[in-house]
Amino acid sequence: MSAATRTTDHDTIRRWAEERDGHPATVATTREGDDAGILRIDFESTEAEGLERISWEQFFRTFEESRLAFLYQDRTGGGDTSRFFKLVRRD
């Protein structure tokens, strides 16, 4: 398995997601007012039920307020493009 990288850089996160046809999303049932709730990246080819697209601005506002970091993998162990990511606490 390929190693994962940790970042809080918004441009890196957005570029990684968009290169994989990913969009910022939230678990719809967790959204309240300006709070985006539980964040996710939704990919075009999967479009998971229960997810609602949000703006990158709202995604990163919640990302910062929740003090999250983005753990991601560029390539699988076999060299293919990876969609592995996880949102983790910065602490």
N, C-alpha and C. Protein backbone atom coordinates (compact mmCIF):
# COMPACT_ATOMS: atom_id res chain seq x y z
N MET A 1 0.84 -1.19 0.00
CA MET A 1 0.00 0.00 0.00
C MET A 1 0.88 1.24 0.00
N SER A 2 0.48 2.25 -0.71
CA SER A 2 1.20 3.51 -0.80
C SER A 2 0.95 4.32 0.47
N ALA A 3 1.91 5.14 0.83
CA ALA A 3 1.81 5.96 2.04
C ALA A 3 0.77 7.07 1.86
N ALA A 4 0.19 7.49 2.97
CA ALA A 4 -0.78 8.59 2.97
C ALA A 4 -0.08 9.87 3.40
N THR A 5 -0.59 10.99 2.91
CA THR A 5 -0.05 12.31 3.22
C THR A 5 -1.11 13.09 3.98
N ARG A 6 -0.67 13.91 4.91
CA ARG A 6 -1.59 14.71 5.72
C ARG A 6 -1.39 16.17 5.36
N THR A 7 -2.49 16.91 5.16
CA THR A 7 -2.40 18.33 4.83
C THR A 7 -3.60 19.09 5.39
N THR A 8 -3.41 20.40 5.53
CA THR A 8 -4.51 21.31 5.85
C THR A 8 -4.61 22.39 4.75
N ASP A 9 -3.81 22.27 3.71
CA ASP A 9 -3.77 23.24 2.63
C ASP A 9 -5.01 23.11 1.74
N HIS A 10 -5.79 24.15 1.68
CA HIS A 10 -7.06 24.13 0.94
C HIS A 10 -6.85 23.87 -0.54
N ASP A 11 -5.85 24.49 -1.14
CA ASP A 11 -5.60 24.30 -2.57
C ASP A 11 -5.23 22.86 -2.88
N THR A 12 -4.42 22.25 -2.04
CA THR A 12 -4.03 20.85 -2.23
C THR A 12 -5.24 19.93 -2.14
N ILE A 13 -6.09 20.16 -1.16
CA ILE A 13 -7.28 19.33 -0.96
C ILE A 13 -8.22 19.47 -2.15
N ARG A 14 -8.48 20.69 -2.55
CA ARG A 14 -9.39 20.93 -3.67
C ARG A 14 -8.86 20.32 -4.97
N ARG A 15 -7.58 20.52 -5.23
CA ARG A 15 -6.96 19.97 -6.45
C ARG A 15 -7.03 18.45 -6.45
N TRP A 16 -6.71 17.81 -5.31
CA TRP A 16 -6.75 16.35 -5.19
C TRP A 16 -8.16 15.84 -5.51
N ALA A 17 -9.17 16.46 -4.91
CA ALA A 17 -10.55 16.03 -5.11
C ALA A 17 -10.99 16.23 -6.56
N GLU A 18 -10.74 17.40 -7.11
CA GLU A 18 -11.20 17.70 -8.46
C GLU A 18 -10.51 16.85 -9.52
N GLU A 19 -9.25 16.46 -9.28
CA GLU A 19 -8.56 15.57 -10.21
C GLU A 19 -9.22 14.19 -10.27
N ARG A 20 -10.02 13.88 -9.26
CA ARG A 20 -10.70 12.59 -9.18
C ARG A 20 -12.22 12.74 -9.36
N ASP A 21 -12.63 13.87 -9.93
CA ASP A 21 -14.05 14.20 -10.13
C ASP A 21 -14.81 14.25 -8.81
N GLY A 22 -14.14 14.71 -7.76
CA GLY A 22 -14.77 14.82 -6.45
C GLY A 22 -15.29 16.23 -6.19
N HIS A 23 -16.33 16.29 -5.36
CA HIS A 23 -16.97 17.55 -4.99
C HIS A 23 -17.19 17.58 -3.49
N PRO A 24 -17.14 18.77 -2.87
CA PRO A 24 -17.40 18.86 -1.44
C PRO A 24 -18.86 18.50 -1.15
N ALA A 25 -19.06 17.78 -0.07
CA ALA A 25 -20.41 17.34 0.29
C ALA A 25 -20.53 17.24 1.80
N THR A 26 -21.75 17.10 2.23
CA THR A 26 -22.06 16.88 3.63
C THR A 26 -23.05 15.73 3.74
N VAL A 27 -23.06 15.08 4.88
CA VAL A 27 -24.11 14.11 5.16
C VAL A 27 -25.35 14.95 5.45
N ALA A 28 -26.32 14.89 4.57
CA ALA A 28 -27.46 15.80 4.58
C ALA A 28 -28.17 15.87 5.94
N THR A 29 -28.29 14.77 6.62
CA THR A 29 -29.02 14.76 7.89
C THR A 29 -28.24 15.43 9.03
N THR A 30 -26.98 15.78 8.81
CA THR A 30 -26.18 16.41 9.87
C THR A 30 -26.04 17.91 9.68
N ARG A 31 -26.56 18.43 8.59
CA ARG A 31 -26.44 19.86 8.27
C ARG A 31 -27.46 20.67 9.06
N GLU A 32 -26.96 21.77 9.68
CA GLU A 32 -27.84 22.67 10.44
C GLU A 32 -27.44 24.11 10.18
N GLY A 33 -28.29 24.87 9.51
CA GLY A 33 -28.00 26.28 9.23
C GLY A 33 -26.70 26.45 8.48
N ASP A 34 -25.79 27.27 9.04
CA ASP A 34 -24.49 27.51 8.41
C ASP A 34 -23.49 26.39 8.68
N ASP A 35 -23.80 25.52 9.62
CA ASP A 35 -22.92 24.39 9.94
C ASP A 35 -23.14 23.29 8.91
N ALA A 36 -22.08 22.94 8.18
CA ALA A 36 -22.20 21.94 7.12
C ALA A 36 -22.38 20.53 7.66
N GLY A 37 -22.10 20.31 8.93
CA GLY A 37 -22.25 18.97 9.50
C GLY A 37 -21.06 18.10 9.19
N ILE A 38 -21.29 16.83 8.92
CA ILE A 38 -20.21 15.88 8.65
C ILE A 38 -19.78 16.02 7.20
N LEU A 39 -18.51 16.34 7.00
CA LEU A 39 -17.97 16.58 5.67
C LEU A 39 -17.58 15.30 4.96
N ARG A 40 -17.70 15.33 3.65
CA ARG A 40 -17.30 14.22 2.79
C ARG A 40 -16.83 14.79 1.45
N ILE A 41 -16.18 13.97 0.66
CA ILE A 41 -15.92 14.26 -0.75
C ILE A 41 -16.77 13.25 -1.51
N ASP A 42 -17.61 13.76 -2.41
CA ASP A 42 -18.48 12.90 -3.21
C ASP A 42 -17.87 12.80 -4.60
N PHE A 43 -17.76 11.59 -5.11
CA PHE A 43 -17.17 11.36 -6.42
C PHE A 43 -18.26 11.12 -7.46
N GLU A 44 -18.09 11.73 -8.63
CA GLU A 44 -19.06 11.64 -9.73
C GLU A 44 -19.56 10.22 -9.98
N SER A 45 -18.67 9.27 -10.01
CA SER A 45 -19.06 7.92 -10.41
C SER A 45 -19.77 7.14 -9.29
N THR A 46 -19.75 7.66 -8.07
CA THR A 46 -20.39 6.91 -6.98
C THR A 46 -21.64 7.60 -6.45
N GLU A 47 -21.64 8.92 -6.35
CA GLU A 47 -22.76 9.70 -5.84
C GLU A 47 -23.55 8.97 -4.75
N ALA A 48 -22.97 8.92 -3.60
CA ALA A 48 -23.56 8.20 -2.47
C ALA A 48 -24.87 8.83 -2.01
N GLU A 49 -25.80 7.97 -1.68
CA GLU A 49 -27.08 8.44 -1.15
C GLU A 49 -26.86 9.11 0.20
N GLY A 50 -27.65 10.12 0.46
CA GLY A 50 -27.58 10.81 1.74
C GLY A 50 -26.57 11.94 1.77
N LEU A 51 -25.81 12.11 0.67
CA LEU A 51 -24.86 13.22 0.60
C LEU A 51 -25.48 14.37 -0.17
N GLU A 52 -25.12 15.57 0.25
CA GLU A 52 -25.60 16.78 -0.41
C GLU A 52 -24.38 17.64 -0.74
N ARG A 53 -24.28 18.07 -1.98
CA ARG A 53 -23.15 18.92 -2.37
C ARG A 53 -23.23 20.27 -1.68
N ILE A 54 -22.07 20.78 -1.32
CA ILE A 54 -21.94 22.11 -0.73
C ILE A 54 -20.81 22.83 -1.47
N SER A 55 -20.67 24.12 -1.22
CA SER A 55 -19.60 24.89 -1.85
C SER A 55 -18.26 24.59 -1.17
N TRP A 56 -17.19 24.83 -1.91
CA TRP A 56 -15.86 24.69 -1.30
C TRP A 56 -15.72 25.67 -0.14
N GLU A 57 -16.31 26.85 -0.28
CA GLU A 57 -16.24 27.85 0.80
C GLU A 57 -16.85 27.29 2.09
N GLN A 58 -18.02 26.69 1.99
CA GLN A 58 -18.67 26.13 3.16
C GLN A 58 -17.90 24.92 3.69
N PHE A 59 -17.39 24.09 2.78
CA PHE A 59 -16.59 22.94 3.18
C PHE A 59 -15.40 23.39 4.02
N PHE A 60 -14.65 24.38 3.51
CA PHE A 60 -13.43 24.80 4.22
C PHE A 60 -13.73 25.60 5.48
N ARG A 61 -14.85 26.29 5.54
CA ARG A 61 -15.23 26.98 6.77
C ARG A 61 -15.46 25.95 7.88
N THR A 62 -16.21 24.90 7.58
CA THR A 62 -16.45 23.84 8.56
C THR A 62 -15.16 23.08 8.86
N PHE A 63 -14.35 22.83 7.84
CA PHE A 63 -13.06 22.16 7.99
C PHE A 63 -12.19 22.89 9.01
N GLU A 64 -12.12 24.22 8.90
CA GLU A 64 -11.31 25.03 9.83
C GLU A 64 -11.94 25.10 11.22
N GLU A 65 -13.25 25.33 11.27
CA GLU A 65 -13.93 25.42 12.56
C GLU A 65 -13.81 24.12 13.35
N SER A 66 -13.77 23.01 12.65
CA SER A 66 -13.66 21.69 13.29
C SER A 66 -12.22 21.27 13.51
N ARG A 67 -11.28 22.09 13.05
CA ARG A 67 -9.84 21.82 13.19
C ARG A 67 -9.48 20.44 12.63
N LEU A 68 -9.86 20.24 11.36
CA LEU A 68 -9.60 18.97 10.69
C LEU A 68 -8.34 19.03 9.84
N ALA A 69 -7.83 17.88 9.52
CA ALA A 69 -6.74 17.70 8.55
C ALA A 69 -7.22 16.67 7.54
N PHE A 70 -6.63 16.70 6.35
CA PHE A 70 -7.01 15.82 5.26
C PHE A 70 -5.89 14.81 5.05
N LEU A 71 -6.20 13.55 5.27
CA LEU A 71 -5.26 12.46 5.06
C LEU A 71 -5.62 11.82 3.73
N TYR A 72 -4.65 11.76 2.81
CA TYR A 72 -4.99 11.27 1.47
C TYR A 72 -3.84 10.47 0.87
N GLN A 73 -4.18 9.75 -0.17
CA GLN A 73 -3.22 8.94 -0.91
C GLN A 73 -3.31 9.32 -2.38
N ASP A 74 -2.17 9.59 -3.02
CA ASP A 74 -2.16 9.92 -4.45
C ASP A 74 -2.30 8.69 -5.32
N ARG A 75 -1.56 7.64 -4.98
CA ARG A 75 -1.52 6.42 -5.79
C ARG A 75 -1.69 5.19 -4.91
N THR A 76 -2.30 4.18 -5.46
CA THR A 76 -2.40 2.89 -4.76
C THR A 76 -1.03 2.21 -4.82
N GLY A 77 -0.87 1.14 -4.09
CA GLY A 77 0.36 0.37 -4.13
C GLY A 77 0.67 -0.13 -5.52
N GLY A 78 -0.35 -0.35 -6.34
CA GLY A 78 -0.19 -0.82 -7.71
C GLY A 78 0.05 0.30 -8.72
N GLY A 79 0.04 1.56 -8.24
CA GLY A 79 0.32 2.69 -9.12
C GLY A 79 -0.89 3.38 -9.71
N ASP A 80 -2.09 2.88 -9.42
CA ASP A 80 -3.31 3.52 -9.93
C ASP A 80 -3.65 4.76 -9.10
N THR A 81 -4.45 5.65 -9.68
CA THR A 81 -4.92 6.82 -8.95
C THR A 81 -5.78 6.36 -7.78
N SER A 82 -5.50 6.89 -6.61
CA SER A 82 -6.23 6.50 -5.40
C SER A 82 -7.28 7.54 -5.05
N ARG A 83 -8.39 7.07 -4.51
CA ARG A 83 -9.43 7.95 -3.96
C ARG A 83 -9.47 7.85 -2.44
N PHE A 84 -8.46 7.24 -1.86
CA PHE A 84 -8.44 7.11 -0.40
C PHE A 84 -8.23 8.47 0.24
N PHE A 85 -9.12 8.80 1.16
CA PHE A 85 -8.94 10.00 1.99
C PHE A 85 -9.67 9.79 3.31
N LYS A 86 -9.28 10.57 4.26
CA LYS A 86 -9.93 10.53 5.56
C LYS A 86 -9.79 11.91 6.19
N LEU A 87 -10.84 12.42 6.80
CA LEU A 87 -10.78 13.66 7.54
C LEU A 87 -10.49 13.31 8.99
N VAL A 88 -9.41 13.86 9.54
CA VAL A 88 -8.97 13.54 10.90
C VAL A 88 -8.77 14.82 11.69
N ARG A 89 -8.74 14.69 13.00
CA ARG A 89 -8.47 15.84 13.86
C ARG A 89 -7.02 16.26 13.72
N ARG A 90 -6.79 17.56 13.81
CA ARG A 90 -5.42 18.07 13.72
C ARG A 90 -4.60 17.75 14.95
N ASP A 91 -5.25 17.64 16.09
CA ASP A 91 -4.54 17.45 17.36
C ASP A 91 -3.91 16.09 17.47
